[in-house]
């Protein structure tokens, strides 16, 4: 439970940092396009002024949100040590904040953007968790013992439990033949 909560919290903060960091990087790289668009949007939100959304930049936002949600879901699953619950809870948390963002920006951005942006948050976060599980299986497959020789060697040449059909009792192994 603590690991799941830690994964969700870390995923949420990672999402926020990556989102705002991505916006800052895009504004620095493309100041006359993305940067100017963001400044005009922020001014419209703060002052209630006019704003015309650029479709290309809204699509960039959707791609950025998808990538950041994928990474956050991966991180949540990594920290939680499981790939289902933490990314799902994180996805719902991000959805709650996505709806809040949609409410704040509703008059300034077309409805298709709100629908796509919020609809992708949960699936992309879950996909990030699944990618974590996939990389875990991939790495486990590389280190998997195919013949069992290392396991037997580590157990002193015998399988754990004394072998098949063996019961421990009174300090020594007794064979059970069925």
N, C-alpha and C. Protein backbone atom coordinates (compact mmCIF):
# COMPACT_ATOMS: atom_id res chain seq x y z
N UNK A 1 0.82 -1.20 0.00
CA UNK A 1 0.00 0.00 0.00
C UNK A 1 0.87 1.26 0.00
N UNK A 2 1.91 1.26 0.83
CA UNK A 2 2.79 2.42 0.89
C UNK A 2 3.55 2.58 -0.42
N UNK A 3 3.97 1.44 -1.00
CA UNK A 3 4.69 1.52 -2.28
C UNK A 3 3.76 2.02 -3.39
N UNK A 4 2.51 1.58 -3.37
CA UNK A 4 1.55 2.05 -4.38
C UNK A 4 1.33 3.54 -4.24
N UNK A 5 1.11 4.01 -3.01
CA UNK A 5 0.91 5.45 -2.77
C UNK A 5 2.16 6.23 -3.17
N UNK A 6 3.31 5.71 -2.85
CA UNK A 6 4.57 6.38 -3.24
C UNK A 6 4.69 6.44 -4.75
N UNK A 7 4.32 5.36 -5.44
CA UNK A 7 4.37 5.36 -6.90
C UNK A 7 3.44 6.38 -7.51
N UNK A 8 2.23 6.48 -6.95
CA UNK A 8 1.25 7.45 -7.46
C UNK A 8 1.75 8.87 -7.24
N UNK A 9 2.24 9.15 -6.05
CA UNK A 9 2.73 10.50 -5.73
C UNK A 9 3.92 10.86 -6.61
N UNK A 10 4.86 9.95 -6.72
CA UNK A 10 6.05 10.21 -7.55
C UNK A 10 5.64 10.38 -9.01
N UNK A 11 4.72 9.55 -9.48
CA UNK A 11 4.25 9.68 -10.86
C UNK A 11 3.57 11.01 -11.11
N UNK A 12 2.79 11.47 -10.13
CA UNK A 12 2.10 12.75 -10.28
C UNK A 12 3.10 13.91 -10.36
N UNK A 13 4.07 13.91 -9.45
CA UNK A 13 5.07 14.98 -9.47
C UNK A 13 5.94 14.89 -10.71
N UNK A 14 6.26 13.68 -11.13
CA UNK A 14 7.05 13.52 -12.36
C UNK A 14 6.26 14.05 -13.56
N UNK A 15 4.95 13.77 -13.59
CA UNK A 15 4.11 14.26 -14.67
C UNK A 15 4.14 15.79 -14.69
N UNK A 16 3.93 16.40 -13.53
CA UNK A 16 3.89 17.86 -13.47
C UNK A 16 5.22 18.48 -13.89
N UNK A 17 6.31 17.92 -13.39
CA UNK A 17 7.64 18.44 -13.74
C UNK A 17 7.91 18.28 -15.22
N UNK A 18 7.61 17.10 -15.76
CA UNK A 18 7.86 16.86 -17.19
C UNK A 18 6.94 17.72 -18.06
N UNK A 19 5.69 17.91 -17.63
CA UNK A 19 4.76 18.74 -18.40
C UNK A 19 5.23 20.19 -18.45
N UNK A 20 5.48 20.77 -17.29
CA UNK A 20 5.91 22.18 -17.26
C UNK A 20 7.31 22.34 -17.85
N UNK A 21 8.17 21.37 -17.61
CA UNK A 21 9.50 21.41 -18.22
C UNK A 21 9.41 21.33 -19.74
N UNK A 22 8.54 20.45 -20.23
CA UNK A 22 8.34 20.33 -21.68
C UNK A 22 7.81 21.62 -22.28
N UNK A 23 6.87 22.25 -21.58
CA UNK A 23 6.35 23.53 -22.06
C UNK A 23 7.44 24.60 -22.10
N UNK A 24 8.27 24.64 -21.06
CA UNK A 24 9.37 25.63 -21.03
C UNK A 24 10.37 25.37 -22.15
N UNK A 25 10.70 24.11 -22.37
CA UNK A 25 11.65 23.77 -23.44
C UNK A 25 11.07 24.13 -24.81
N UNK A 26 9.81 23.78 -25.05
CA UNK A 26 9.19 24.12 -26.32
C UNK A 26 9.08 25.63 -26.51
N UNK A 27 8.80 26.35 -25.44
CA UNK A 27 8.74 27.82 -25.54
C UNK A 27 10.11 28.41 -25.85
N UNK A 28 11.17 27.82 -25.29
CA UNK A 28 12.52 28.31 -25.55
C UNK A 28 12.98 27.97 -26.97
N UNK A 29 12.63 26.79 -27.43
CA UNK A 29 13.04 26.36 -28.77
C UNK A 29 12.25 27.08 -29.85
N UNK A 30 11.00 27.34 -29.59
CA UNK A 30 10.08 27.91 -30.58
C UNK A 30 9.34 29.10 -29.97
N UNK A 31 10.07 30.17 -29.65
CA UNK A 31 9.46 31.31 -28.94
C UNK A 31 8.38 32.04 -29.74
N UNK A 32 8.56 32.19 -31.05
CA UNK A 32 7.55 32.91 -31.83
C UNK A 32 6.29 32.09 -32.08
N UNK A 33 6.36 30.79 -31.95
CA UNK A 33 5.19 29.93 -32.15
C UNK A 33 4.62 29.48 -30.82
N UNK A 34 5.26 28.49 -30.24
CA UNK A 34 4.76 27.89 -29.01
C UNK A 34 4.80 28.88 -27.84
N UNK A 35 5.91 29.58 -27.69
CA UNK A 35 6.06 30.53 -26.58
C UNK A 35 5.03 31.64 -26.62
N UNK A 36 4.83 32.24 -27.80
CA UNK A 36 3.85 33.32 -27.95
C UNK A 36 2.44 32.80 -27.70
N UNK A 37 2.16 31.60 -28.17
CA UNK A 37 0.84 30.97 -27.98
C UNK A 37 0.58 30.76 -26.49
N UNK A 38 1.56 30.27 -25.77
CA UNK A 38 1.41 30.02 -24.33
C UNK A 38 1.21 31.32 -23.56
N UNK A 39 1.97 32.35 -23.92
CA UNK A 39 1.83 33.64 -23.24
C UNK A 39 0.44 34.25 -23.49
N UNK A 40 -0.04 34.15 -24.72
CA UNK A 40 -1.37 34.67 -25.05
C UNK A 40 -2.46 33.89 -24.31
N UNK A 41 -2.29 32.58 -24.22
CA UNK A 41 -3.26 31.74 -23.51
C UNK A 41 -3.28 32.09 -22.02
N UNK A 42 -2.10 32.23 -21.44
CA UNK A 42 -2.01 32.57 -20.01
C UNK A 42 -2.62 33.95 -19.74
N UNK A 43 -2.36 34.92 -20.61
CA UNK A 43 -2.95 36.25 -20.44
C UNK A 43 -4.47 36.19 -20.54
N UNK A 44 -5.00 35.38 -21.46
CA UNK A 44 -6.45 35.26 -21.61
C UNK A 44 -7.07 34.63 -20.37
N UNK A 45 -6.41 33.64 -19.81
CA UNK A 45 -6.93 32.97 -18.59
C UNK A 45 -6.92 33.96 -17.41
N UNK A 46 -5.82 34.69 -17.26
CA UNK A 46 -5.68 35.60 -16.11
C UNK A 46 -6.56 36.83 -16.24
N UNK A 47 -6.67 37.37 -17.45
CA UNK A 47 -7.38 38.63 -17.64
C UNK A 47 -8.75 38.49 -18.29
N UNK A 48 -9.09 37.30 -18.73
CA UNK A 48 -10.38 37.10 -19.38
C UNK A 48 -10.45 37.67 -20.78
N UNK A 49 -9.32 37.82 -21.44
CA UNK A 49 -9.30 38.40 -22.78
C UNK A 49 -9.58 37.38 -23.88
N UNK A 50 -9.38 37.83 -25.10
CA UNK A 50 -9.59 36.99 -26.27
C UNK A 50 -8.38 36.09 -26.51
N UNK A 51 -8.65 34.90 -27.06
CA UNK A 51 -7.58 33.98 -27.39
C UNK A 51 -8.06 33.08 -28.52
N UNK A 52 -7.21 32.91 -29.52
CA UNK A 52 -7.50 32.00 -30.62
C UNK A 52 -6.47 30.88 -30.58
N UNK A 53 -6.96 29.67 -30.35
CA UNK A 53 -6.07 28.52 -30.24
C UNK A 53 -5.58 28.08 -31.61
N UNK A 54 -4.32 27.72 -31.68
CA UNK A 54 -3.71 27.20 -32.90
C UNK A 54 -3.81 25.68 -32.87
N UNK A 55 -4.41 25.10 -33.89
CA UNK A 55 -4.64 23.66 -33.94
C UNK A 55 -3.34 22.87 -33.86
N UNK A 56 -2.32 23.32 -34.56
CA UNK A 56 -1.03 22.61 -34.53
C UNK A 56 -0.47 22.57 -33.12
N UNK A 57 -0.55 23.68 -32.41
CA UNK A 57 0.00 23.72 -31.06
C UNK A 57 -0.86 22.93 -30.08
N UNK A 58 -2.15 22.84 -30.33
CA UNK A 58 -3.00 21.99 -29.49
C UNK A 58 -2.64 20.52 -29.70
N UNK A 59 -2.33 20.15 -30.94
CA UNK A 59 -1.88 18.78 -31.21
C UNK A 59 -0.54 18.49 -30.54
N UNK A 60 0.33 19.50 -30.53
CA UNK A 60 1.61 19.34 -29.81
C UNK A 60 1.35 19.10 -28.33
N UNK A 61 0.40 19.81 -27.76
CA UNK A 61 0.01 19.61 -26.35
C UNK A 61 -0.47 18.18 -26.11
N UNK A 62 -1.27 17.67 -27.03
CA UNK A 62 -1.80 16.31 -26.88
C UNK A 62 -0.67 15.28 -26.94
N UNK A 63 0.26 15.48 -27.86
CA UNK A 63 1.41 14.57 -27.96
C UNK A 63 2.26 14.66 -26.68
N UNK A 64 2.51 15.87 -26.21
CA UNK A 64 3.28 16.06 -24.99
C UNK A 64 2.59 15.38 -23.80
N UNK A 65 1.28 15.57 -23.68
CA UNK A 65 0.53 14.95 -22.58
C UNK A 65 0.60 13.42 -22.66
N UNK A 66 0.55 12.88 -23.87
CA UNK A 66 0.62 11.43 -24.05
C UNK A 66 1.98 10.89 -23.62
N UNK A 67 3.04 11.54 -24.04
CA UNK A 67 4.39 11.10 -23.69
C UNK A 67 4.63 11.22 -22.19
N UNK A 68 4.24 12.34 -21.62
CA UNK A 68 4.44 12.57 -20.19
C UNK A 68 3.60 11.59 -19.36
N UNK A 69 2.38 11.30 -19.79
CA UNK A 69 1.54 10.34 -19.07
C UNK A 69 2.12 8.93 -19.13
N UNK A 70 2.66 8.57 -20.28
CA UNK A 70 3.32 7.27 -20.44
C UNK A 70 4.50 7.14 -19.47
N UNK A 71 5.32 8.17 -19.43
CA UNK A 71 6.49 8.16 -18.53
C UNK A 71 6.05 8.12 -17.06
N UNK A 72 5.03 8.87 -16.71
CA UNK A 72 4.56 8.90 -15.33
C UNK A 72 3.99 7.55 -14.91
N UNK A 73 3.25 6.89 -15.80
CA UNK A 73 2.72 5.57 -15.51
C UNK A 73 3.82 4.55 -15.34
N UNK A 74 4.86 4.65 -16.16
CA UNK A 74 6.02 3.76 -16.03
C UNK A 74 6.68 3.95 -14.67
N UNK A 75 6.90 5.21 -14.29
CA UNK A 75 7.55 5.50 -13.01
C UNK A 75 6.69 5.03 -11.83
N UNK A 76 5.39 5.25 -11.90
CA UNK A 76 4.49 4.81 -10.83
C UNK A 76 4.57 3.30 -10.66
N UNK A 77 4.57 2.56 -11.77
CA UNK A 77 4.65 1.10 -11.71
C UNK A 77 6.02 0.65 -11.19
N UNK A 78 7.05 1.34 -11.60
CA UNK A 78 8.40 1.00 -11.15
C UNK A 78 8.54 1.15 -9.64
N UNK A 79 8.08 2.26 -9.12
CA UNK A 79 8.19 2.52 -7.68
C UNK A 79 7.25 1.62 -6.89
N UNK A 80 6.05 1.41 -7.40
CA UNK A 80 5.07 0.59 -6.69
C UNK A 80 5.42 -0.90 -6.72
N UNK A 81 6.23 -1.30 -7.68
CA UNK A 81 6.58 -2.71 -7.79
C UNK A 81 5.48 -3.54 -8.41
N UNK A 82 4.50 -2.90 -9.00
CA UNK A 82 3.41 -3.58 -9.70
C UNK A 82 2.95 -2.67 -10.82
N UNK A 83 2.25 -3.24 -11.80
CA UNK A 83 1.96 -2.45 -12.98
C UNK A 83 0.49 -2.13 -13.21
N UNK A 84 -0.39 -2.42 -12.26
CA UNK A 84 -1.81 -2.18 -12.50
C UNK A 84 -2.41 -1.09 -11.64
N UNK A 85 -2.35 -1.25 -10.35
CA UNK A 85 -3.05 -0.34 -9.44
C UNK A 85 -2.45 1.06 -9.46
N UNK A 86 -1.15 1.20 -9.30
CA UNK A 86 -0.55 2.53 -9.22
C UNK A 86 -0.77 3.35 -10.50
N UNK A 87 -0.53 2.80 -11.70
CA UNK A 87 -0.81 3.60 -12.90
C UNK A 87 -2.29 3.95 -13.05
N UNK A 88 -3.18 3.05 -12.64
CA UNK A 88 -4.61 3.34 -12.74
C UNK A 88 -5.02 4.47 -11.81
N UNK A 89 -4.57 4.40 -10.56
CA UNK A 89 -4.88 5.47 -9.60
C UNK A 89 -4.27 6.79 -10.07
N UNK A 90 -3.04 6.73 -10.55
CA UNK A 90 -2.39 7.93 -11.09
C UNK A 90 -3.19 8.48 -12.27
N UNK A 91 -3.66 7.60 -13.14
CA UNK A 91 -4.46 8.04 -14.29
C UNK A 91 -5.71 8.79 -13.85
N UNK A 92 -6.40 8.28 -12.83
CA UNK A 92 -7.59 8.97 -12.33
C UNK A 92 -7.24 10.30 -11.67
N UNK A 93 -6.12 10.35 -10.98
CA UNK A 93 -5.67 11.62 -10.39
C UNK A 93 -5.36 12.64 -11.49
N UNK A 94 -4.68 12.19 -12.53
CA UNK A 94 -4.38 13.08 -13.65
C UNK A 94 -5.66 13.50 -14.37
N UNK A 95 -6.62 12.58 -14.47
CA UNK A 95 -7.90 12.92 -15.09
C UNK A 95 -8.61 14.01 -14.30
N UNK A 96 -8.57 13.93 -12.97
CA UNK A 96 -9.20 14.96 -12.15
C UNK A 96 -8.57 16.33 -12.42
N UNK A 97 -7.25 16.36 -12.51
CA UNK A 97 -6.58 17.63 -12.82
C UNK A 97 -6.81 18.04 -14.27
N UNK A 98 -6.92 17.07 -15.17
CA UNK A 98 -7.22 17.37 -16.57
C UNK A 98 -8.59 18.00 -16.73
N UNK A 99 -9.57 17.49 -15.98
CA UNK A 99 -10.91 18.08 -16.02
C UNK A 99 -10.87 19.49 -15.45
N UNK A 100 -10.12 19.70 -14.37
CA UNK A 100 -9.97 21.04 -13.81
C UNK A 100 -9.36 21.99 -14.85
N UNK A 101 -8.35 21.54 -15.56
CA UNK A 101 -7.72 22.35 -16.61
C UNK A 101 -8.73 22.64 -17.72
N UNK A 102 -9.53 21.64 -18.08
CA UNK A 102 -10.54 21.83 -19.12
C UNK A 102 -11.58 22.87 -18.71
N UNK A 103 -12.00 22.82 -17.45
CA UNK A 103 -12.98 23.79 -16.95
C UNK A 103 -12.40 25.21 -17.02
N UNK A 104 -11.15 25.35 -16.60
CA UNK A 104 -10.51 26.68 -16.61
C UNK A 104 -10.33 27.23 -18.02
N UNK A 105 -10.05 26.34 -18.97
CA UNK A 105 -9.74 26.81 -20.32
C UNK A 105 -10.87 26.56 -21.31
N UNK A 106 -12.05 26.16 -20.83
CA UNK A 106 -13.16 25.79 -21.70
C UNK A 106 -13.48 26.83 -22.78
N UNK A 107 -13.61 28.12 -22.44
CA UNK A 107 -14.01 29.07 -23.48
C UNK A 107 -12.90 29.40 -24.49
N UNK A 108 -11.67 28.99 -24.22
CA UNK A 108 -10.55 29.39 -25.06
C UNK A 108 -10.07 28.32 -26.02
N UNK A 109 -10.46 27.08 -25.78
CA UNK A 109 -9.93 25.96 -26.55
C UNK A 109 -11.11 25.14 -27.08
N UNK A 110 -10.99 24.61 -28.31
CA UNK A 110 -12.11 23.83 -28.87
C UNK A 110 -12.40 22.55 -28.06
N UNK A 111 -13.64 22.11 -28.13
CA UNK A 111 -14.07 20.96 -27.35
C UNK A 111 -13.30 19.69 -27.72
N UNK A 112 -12.93 19.52 -28.99
CA UNK A 112 -12.21 18.31 -29.39
C UNK A 112 -10.90 18.18 -28.62
N UNK A 113 -10.25 19.31 -28.34
CA UNK A 113 -9.00 19.27 -27.59
C UNK A 113 -9.26 18.77 -26.16
N UNK A 114 -10.28 19.32 -25.51
CA UNK A 114 -10.61 18.90 -24.14
C UNK A 114 -10.90 17.40 -24.08
N UNK A 115 -11.69 16.93 -25.02
CA UNK A 115 -12.08 15.52 -25.05
C UNK A 115 -10.85 14.63 -25.25
N UNK A 116 -10.04 14.93 -26.24
CA UNK A 116 -8.87 14.09 -26.53
C UNK A 116 -7.85 14.17 -25.40
N UNK A 117 -7.57 15.37 -24.93
CA UNK A 117 -6.58 15.53 -23.86
C UNK A 117 -6.96 14.72 -22.63
N UNK A 118 -8.20 14.87 -22.17
CA UNK A 118 -8.60 14.16 -20.95
C UNK A 118 -8.80 12.67 -21.20
N UNK A 119 -9.27 12.31 -22.39
CA UNK A 119 -9.51 10.89 -22.69
C UNK A 119 -8.21 10.09 -22.77
N UNK A 120 -7.11 10.72 -23.10
CA UNK A 120 -5.83 10.00 -23.22
C UNK A 120 -5.08 9.84 -21.90
N UNK A 121 -5.43 10.58 -20.88
CA UNK A 121 -4.66 10.54 -19.64
C UNK A 121 -4.63 9.15 -19.00
N UNK A 122 -5.77 8.54 -18.80
CA UNK A 122 -5.80 7.22 -18.15
C UNK A 122 -5.18 6.14 -19.05
N UNK A 123 -5.58 6.01 -20.32
CA UNK A 123 -4.98 4.95 -21.13
C UNK A 123 -3.46 5.06 -21.28
N UNK A 124 -2.96 6.26 -21.45
CA UNK A 124 -1.51 6.42 -21.62
C UNK A 124 -0.76 6.11 -20.32
N UNK A 125 -1.35 6.45 -19.19
CA UNK A 125 -0.74 6.14 -17.90
C UNK A 125 -0.73 4.63 -17.68
N UNK A 126 -1.83 3.97 -18.01
CA UNK A 126 -1.90 2.51 -17.88
C UNK A 126 -0.89 1.86 -18.84
N UNK A 127 -0.79 2.38 -20.05
CA UNK A 127 0.18 1.85 -21.01
C UNK A 127 1.60 1.98 -20.48
N UNK A 128 1.90 3.09 -19.81
CA UNK A 128 3.21 3.24 -19.18
C UNK A 128 3.47 2.15 -18.15
N UNK A 129 2.44 1.82 -17.35
CA UNK A 129 2.58 0.74 -16.39
C UNK A 129 2.80 -0.60 -17.07
N UNK A 130 2.11 -0.81 -18.19
CA UNK A 130 2.29 -2.07 -18.93
C UNK A 130 3.68 -2.15 -19.55
N UNK A 131 4.20 -1.02 -20.00
CA UNK A 131 5.57 -1.01 -20.52
C UNK A 131 6.56 -1.39 -19.44
N UNK A 132 6.30 -0.95 -18.22
CA UNK A 132 7.15 -1.32 -17.08
C UNK A 132 7.12 -2.82 -16.89
N UNK A 133 5.93 -3.41 -16.94
CA UNK A 133 5.81 -4.86 -16.78
C UNK A 133 6.52 -5.59 -17.92
N UNK A 134 6.42 -5.03 -19.10
CA UNK A 134 7.06 -5.65 -20.26
C UNK A 134 8.57 -5.61 -20.16
N UNK A 135 9.12 -4.50 -19.69
CA UNK A 135 10.57 -4.44 -19.54
C UNK A 135 11.03 -5.36 -18.43
N UNK A 136 10.18 -5.54 -17.41
CA UNK A 136 10.51 -6.46 -16.32
C UNK A 136 10.57 -7.89 -16.84
N UNK A 137 9.59 -8.29 -17.66
CA UNK A 137 9.57 -9.63 -18.23
C UNK A 137 10.76 -9.80 -19.16
N UNK A 138 11.07 -8.79 -19.95
CA UNK A 138 12.19 -8.86 -20.88
C UNK A 138 13.51 -9.07 -20.13
N UNK A 139 13.71 -8.29 -19.07
CA UNK A 139 14.94 -8.43 -18.29
C UNK A 139 14.98 -9.74 -17.54
N UNK A 140 13.85 -10.20 -17.03
CA UNK A 140 13.81 -11.47 -16.31
C UNK A 140 14.11 -12.62 -17.25
N UNK A 141 13.67 -12.51 -18.50
CA UNK A 141 13.93 -13.55 -19.48
C UNK A 141 15.40 -13.71 -19.79
N UNK A 142 16.15 -12.64 -19.72
CA UNK A 142 17.59 -12.72 -19.98
C UNK A 142 18.32 -13.42 -18.87
N UNK A 143 17.82 -13.34 -17.66
CA UNK A 143 18.51 -13.92 -16.51
C UNK A 143 17.87 -15.21 -16.04
N UNK A 144 16.89 -15.69 -16.79
CA UNK A 144 16.16 -16.87 -16.37
C UNK A 144 17.05 -18.10 -16.48
N UNK A 145 16.94 -18.96 -15.50
CA UNK A 145 17.70 -20.19 -15.45
C UNK A 145 16.98 -21.22 -16.32
N UNK A 146 17.59 -21.64 -17.42
CA UNK A 146 16.92 -22.55 -18.32
C UNK A 146 17.01 -24.00 -17.87
N UNK A 147 18.10 -24.39 -17.28
CA UNK A 147 18.25 -25.79 -16.90
C UNK A 147 18.09 -26.03 -15.42
N UNK A 148 18.03 -25.02 -14.63
CA UNK A 148 17.88 -25.18 -13.19
C UNK A 148 19.18 -25.51 -12.48
N UNK A 149 20.30 -25.54 -13.20
CA UNK A 149 21.55 -25.96 -12.58
C UNK A 149 22.04 -24.96 -11.54
N UNK A 150 21.88 -23.64 -11.80
CA UNK A 150 22.34 -22.68 -10.81
C UNK A 150 21.52 -22.75 -9.54
N UNK A 151 20.21 -22.98 -9.69
CA UNK A 151 19.35 -23.09 -8.50
C UNK A 151 19.73 -24.32 -7.70
N UNK A 152 19.93 -25.44 -8.36
CA UNK A 152 20.31 -26.66 -7.63
C UNK A 152 21.66 -26.48 -6.96
N UNK A 153 22.59 -25.83 -7.65
CA UNK A 153 23.91 -25.63 -7.08
C UNK A 153 23.84 -24.74 -5.85
N UNK A 154 22.95 -23.73 -5.89
CA UNK A 154 22.85 -22.84 -4.75
C UNK A 154 22.18 -23.51 -3.56
N UNK A 155 21.45 -24.59 -3.82
CA UNK A 155 20.78 -25.30 -2.74
C UNK A 155 21.57 -26.55 -2.33
N UNK A 156 22.84 -26.59 -2.66
CA UNK A 156 23.68 -27.72 -2.27
C UNK A 156 23.42 -28.95 -3.11
N UNK A 157 23.02 -28.75 -4.38
CA UNK A 157 22.83 -29.87 -5.27
C UNK A 157 21.45 -30.49 -5.21
N UNK A 158 20.60 -30.04 -4.30
CA UNK A 158 19.26 -30.61 -4.19
C UNK A 158 18.24 -29.52 -4.39
N UNK A 159 17.08 -29.93 -4.81
CA UNK A 159 15.99 -28.96 -4.96
C UNK A 159 15.45 -28.60 -3.60
N UNK A 160 14.86 -27.41 -3.55
CA UNK A 160 14.27 -26.94 -2.30
C UNK A 160 13.18 -27.90 -1.85
N UNK A 161 13.12 -28.19 -0.56
CA UNK A 161 12.11 -29.09 -0.02
C UNK A 161 12.53 -30.54 -0.07
N UNK A 162 13.75 -30.84 -0.47
CA UNK A 162 14.24 -32.20 -0.45
C UNK A 162 13.85 -33.01 -1.67
N UNK A 163 13.21 -32.42 -2.65
CA UNK A 163 12.86 -33.16 -3.85
C UNK A 163 11.38 -33.46 -3.90
N UNK A 164 10.96 -34.04 -5.01
CA UNK A 164 9.54 -34.35 -5.22
C UNK A 164 9.11 -35.49 -4.31
N UNK A 165 7.93 -35.35 -3.75
CA UNK A 165 7.38 -36.41 -2.94
C UNK A 165 8.07 -36.58 -1.61
N UNK A 166 8.59 -35.54 -1.05
CA UNK A 166 9.35 -35.62 0.19
C UNK A 166 8.65 -34.82 1.26
N UNK A 167 8.56 -35.34 2.45
CA UNK A 167 7.95 -34.62 3.55
C UNK A 167 8.97 -34.51 4.68
N UNK A 168 9.03 -33.33 5.26
CA UNK A 168 9.93 -33.14 6.40
C UNK A 168 9.19 -33.47 7.67
N UNK A 169 9.81 -34.25 8.50
CA UNK A 169 9.20 -34.57 9.78
C UNK A 169 10.26 -35.06 10.73
N UNK A 170 10.18 -34.70 11.94
CA UNK A 170 11.12 -35.06 13.01
C UNK A 170 12.56 -34.84 12.61
N UNK A 171 12.83 -33.74 11.89
CA UNK A 171 14.20 -33.35 11.60
C UNK A 171 14.82 -34.05 10.41
N UNK A 172 14.15 -34.98 9.74
CA UNK A 172 14.76 -35.62 8.58
C UNK A 172 13.70 -35.82 7.50
N UNK A 173 14.15 -35.99 6.28
CA UNK A 173 13.25 -36.13 5.16
C UNK A 173 12.77 -37.57 5.04
N UNK A 174 11.46 -37.73 4.81
CA UNK A 174 10.90 -39.06 4.57
C UNK A 174 10.20 -39.03 3.23
N UNK A 175 10.41 -40.06 2.47
CA UNK A 175 9.83 -40.14 1.15
C UNK A 175 8.37 -40.58 1.24
N UNK A 176 7.55 -39.97 0.38
CA UNK A 176 6.13 -40.36 0.30
C UNK A 176 5.93 -40.92 -1.09
N UNK A 177 5.60 -42.13 -1.19
CA UNK A 177 5.33 -42.76 -2.48
C UNK A 177 3.84 -42.92 -2.63
N UNK A 178 3.31 -42.34 -3.66
CA UNK A 178 1.86 -42.45 -3.92
C UNK A 178 1.62 -43.21 -5.16
